[in-house]
Amino acid sequence: ASGSAPVEEPPRALVRAEPAAGAEDGWLLHEEWVVVHSPLVFVREEPEDESRKLGYKWRGERVAVSGERGPWLKLALEEGWMLRDGSALGLGCLLEPAARASKALPAPGGEAGGAAGGQGG
Protein backbone atom coordinates (compact mmCIF):
# COMPACT_ATOMS: atom_id res chain seq x y z
CA ALA A 1 0.00 0.00 0.00
CA SER A 2 1.34 3.34 -0.88
CA GLY A 3 0.58 6.30 1.31
CA SER A 4 2.40 8.99 3.07
CA ALA A 5 2.12 10.15 6.62
CA PRO A 6 0.48 13.55 7.01
CA VAL A 7 2.93 16.41 7.30
CA GLU A 8 2.85 17.76 10.83
CA GLU A 9 2.27 21.49 11.06
CA PRO A 10 4.91 23.26 13.21
CA PRO A 11 3.71 24.58 16.56
CA ARG A 12 2.40 28.13 16.42
CA ALA A 13 2.29 30.78 19.14
CA LEU A 14 -0.72 33.08 19.24
CA VAL A 15 -0.74 36.57 20.68
CA ARG A 16 -3.82 38.35 22.04
CA ALA A 17 -3.26 41.60 20.28
CA GLU A 18 -6.12 44.04 20.22
CA PRO A 19 -9.80 44.36 21.06
CA ALA A 20 -11.98 43.91 18.00
CA ALA A 21 -15.71 43.93 17.47
CA GLY A 22 -16.98 40.56 16.36
CA ALA A 23 -13.80 38.65 17.23
CA GLU A 24 -14.01 35.67 19.56
CA ASP A 25 -14.20 36.96 23.15
CA GLY A 26 -13.61 40.49 21.81
CA TRP A 27 -9.93 39.96 20.92
CA LEU A 28 -8.11 39.21 17.68
CA LEU A 29 -5.49 36.49 17.87
CA HIS A 30 -2.33 37.05 15.86
CA GLU A 31 0.39 34.54 15.19
CA GLU A 32 3.75 35.31 16.81
CA TRP A 33 6.93 34.99 14.75
CA VAL A 34 10.57 35.63 15.67
CA VAL A 35 13.44 37.01 13.56
CA VAL A 36 16.09 34.28 13.16
CA HIS A 37 18.25 35.95 10.50
CA SER A 38 21.28 37.91 11.70
CA PRO A 39 21.67 40.77 12.15
CA LEU A 40 18.22 42.03 11.07
CA VAL A 41 15.28 41.81 8.67
CA PHE A 42 13.71 44.84 7.02
CA VAL A 43 10.07 45.85 7.36
CA ARG A 44 8.76 46.92 3.96
CA GLU A 45 5.77 48.97 2.86
CA GLU A 46 4.50 46.29 0.44
CA PRO A 47 5.22 42.54 0.07
CA GLU A 48 7.89 43.12 -2.59
CA ASP A 49 11.71 42.97 -2.45
CA GLU A 50 12.11 46.49 -3.83
CA SER A 51 9.35 48.12 -1.77
CA ARG A 52 10.23 51.10 0.46
CA LYS A 53 11.85 50.16 3.78
CA LEU A 54 9.84 51.28 6.81
CA GLY A 55 12.29 49.98 9.41
CA TYR A 56 13.78 46.72 10.61
CA LYS A 57 13.67 44.11 13.36
CA TRP A 58 16.77 42.64 15.02
CA ARG A 59 17.45 38.91 15.39
CA GLY A 60 15.45 37.62 18.35
CA GLU A 61 12.69 40.25 18.10
CA ARG A 62 9.12 38.92 18.03
CA VAL A 63 6.39 40.25 15.78
CA ALA A 64 2.63 39.67 15.65
CA VAL A 65 1.45 38.58 12.21
CA SER A 66 -2.08 38.95 10.85
CA GLY A 67 -1.64 37.27 7.46
CA GLU A 68 0.64 35.86 4.78
CA ARG A 69 1.09 36.49 1.07
CA GLY A 70 3.52 34.00 -0.46
CA PRO A 71 6.79 34.30 1.49
CA TRP A 72 5.68 37.60 3.09
CA LEU A 73 4.16 38.18 6.54
CA LYS A 74 1.74 41.07 7.20
CA LEU A 75 2.51 42.73 10.52
CA ALA A 76 -0.48 43.01 12.84
CA LEU A 77 0.46 45.75 15.29
CA GLU A 78 2.27 48.13 12.94
CA GLU A 79 2.43 48.98 9.25
CA GLY A 80 4.44 46.77 6.97
CA TRP A 81 5.46 43.38 5.67
CA MET A 82 8.44 41.13 6.42
CA LEU A 83 9.95 38.46 4.20
CA ARG A 84 9.92 35.18 6.15
CA ASP A 85 11.93 33.10 3.66
CA GLY A 86 14.81 34.74 1.80
CA SER A 87 15.99 31.58 0.04
CA ALA A 88 15.36 33.13 -3.39
CA LEU A 89 17.76 35.94 -2.37
CA GLY A 90 20.39 33.57 -0.94
CA LEU A 91 19.48 34.50 2.66
CA GLY A 92 17.67 31.37 3.88
CA CYS A 93 15.08 31.45 6.64
CA LEU A 94 14.47 34.96 8.03
CA LEU A 95 11.56 34.47 10.45
CA GLU A 96 10.09 31.37 12.11
CA PRO A 97 6.97 30.76 14.16
CA ALA A 98 7.89 31.73 17.73
CA ALA A 99 6.95 28.34 19.20
CA ARG A 100 9.51 26.61 16.97
CA ALA A 101 12.22 29.28 16.98
CA SER A 102 12.41 29.60 20.77
CA LYS A 103 13.99 26.15 20.94
CA ALA A 104 16.79 26.96 18.50
CA LEU A 105 17.53 30.67 18.93
CA PRO A 106 20.41 31.67 21.25
CA ALA A 107 19.72 34.25 23.91
CA PRO A 108 19.79 37.87 22.64
CA GLY A 109 23.22 39.47 22.88
CA GLY A 110 24.98 36.15 22.41
CA GLU A 111 26.08 36.98 18.89
CA ALA A 112 28.02 40.03 17.77
CA GLY A 113 26.80 41.72 14.64
CA GLY A 114 26.40 45.18 13.24
CA ALA A 115 23.88 46.56 10.80
CA ALA A 116 26.17 46.09 7.79
CA GLY A 117 25.95 43.28 5.24
CA GLY A 118 23.50 40.42 4.78
CA GLN A 119 20.32 42.19 5.83
CA GLY A 120 17.25 40.18 5.05
CA GLY A 121 14.12 41.23 3.23
Foldseek 3Di string as FASTA:
>chain_A
DDDDDDDDDDDWDWDFDDADPPDVVRTDIFTKKFFQFPAWWFFFQDPDPPGDTPGIDGGGDMFTFDDDDVQWTAGDPDGGITRQACVVVVRGGTMDRPVVVVVPHDDPPPDDDDPDPDHHD
